Amino acid sequence: MVETIEWTSQGVVMIDQTRLPLHEEYVTCRTYEEVARAIKDMIIRGAPAIGVAAAMGVALGVEQADARDLDARFAAICETLAKTRPTAVNLFWAIDRMKRLYASLRGLPVEEIRARLKAEAQLVREEDIAINRAIGRNGAPLVPDGKTVLTHCNAGALATAGYGTALGVIRAAREMGKQVDVFADETRPFLQGARLTVWELQQDGIPTTLITDNMAGHFMKSGRMGCVVVGADRIAANGDVANKVGTYTVAVLAKENGVPFFVAAPVSTLDLTLANGDLIPIEQRAASEVTQVFGQMVAPPGTAVENPAFDVTPARYVTGIITEKGVAQAPYEESLKKLIG
């Protein structure tokens, strides 16, 4: 299993996902500002992994903060990390978790506060791996044996603390003995499918075929696809799902061709404060990600560009939402509430 992120005596160490698949390199973030930059620059990405990184960034910042002005420094640390990326709700979930713990520790010696925050950040990582394995166990029975699974973007070990959400379902199906292979959309413009999903599944020896994004409909029509499994960055109360841009297209094609479309995500990705997906903030990224591929221009200079990093798939296209607490199905307003108690 790929080691995405860990706490060390030197700082927060994470695999540099911008260098994959050609170079397997690790970055050591020695300050919370460096953690924030790694999140913003997509050195680390994927909603659960961003949450783990945020928790570790808070702990690292407090460890290095001046004890004489700790409350103000803590607020600044949280604010800096919260401004990195707007769509993935796990970022804010993790920061809020650290805020609640910090509030409960007021009055204790500074060294104890630092130790407790560090332990909590490491616990967030350990819990995430356990949650992903539970998602896999819940989702594996839904994967048809002897068929191909289509996935979009990367929702594997690289997008989490380990094992993965969507790829965790595939891993668990393989561990059950199911004979399944994977088709991975390349996922333009950042190519997470081509660079990350294919690389990650190759490490595990899982048969994987790369296709361009606009080939998905062709292969669904062929009858080869048993199901689609994707991750999520935020899920609204009605079951609308924000995920990497292009997911909506895949979901519509799946419904048209009678292919089940599953979303695999931890309960921490649910945002029941939002009634529907129209309220989910969508991150806009740099034009250069569209006009260039690995630094090489592929469009005329001055080309106008729109580059939303995510789109929202309406709940009516979602067959089921696989979480560590079970599988939710429509009507999602009811089933999602039941999942979180």
Foldseek 3Di string as FASTA:
>chain_A
DDQAWDQDPQAIKGFQLLPFDVDTDIDHDQALLSLLVCDLVPRAAALARLLLSLLRNLLNQLVPDDPVPNVVSSVVSLVSNPPRFAFQLSNVVSSVVLVVLLVVCPPPDSVVNSVVSNVVSNVSLVVFAVFQLLLLVQQLVLFDAPFEEEEEADQACRNHSHGGWLNVVVVSNVVVVGQYAYEYELQPLSRRRPGPVVSVVVVVVGHYHYDHLVCLLVVLQVVRHQAYEYEARAAELQGKTKDFPSVQVNLVSCVVSVHAYEYTYALSRYDHVHHHDVPRDWDWDDQCSVQDDPNHGPDDPPDDDTGTGIDIHGRVSHQWYRTSQHIFGPSRNPRSVVSVD
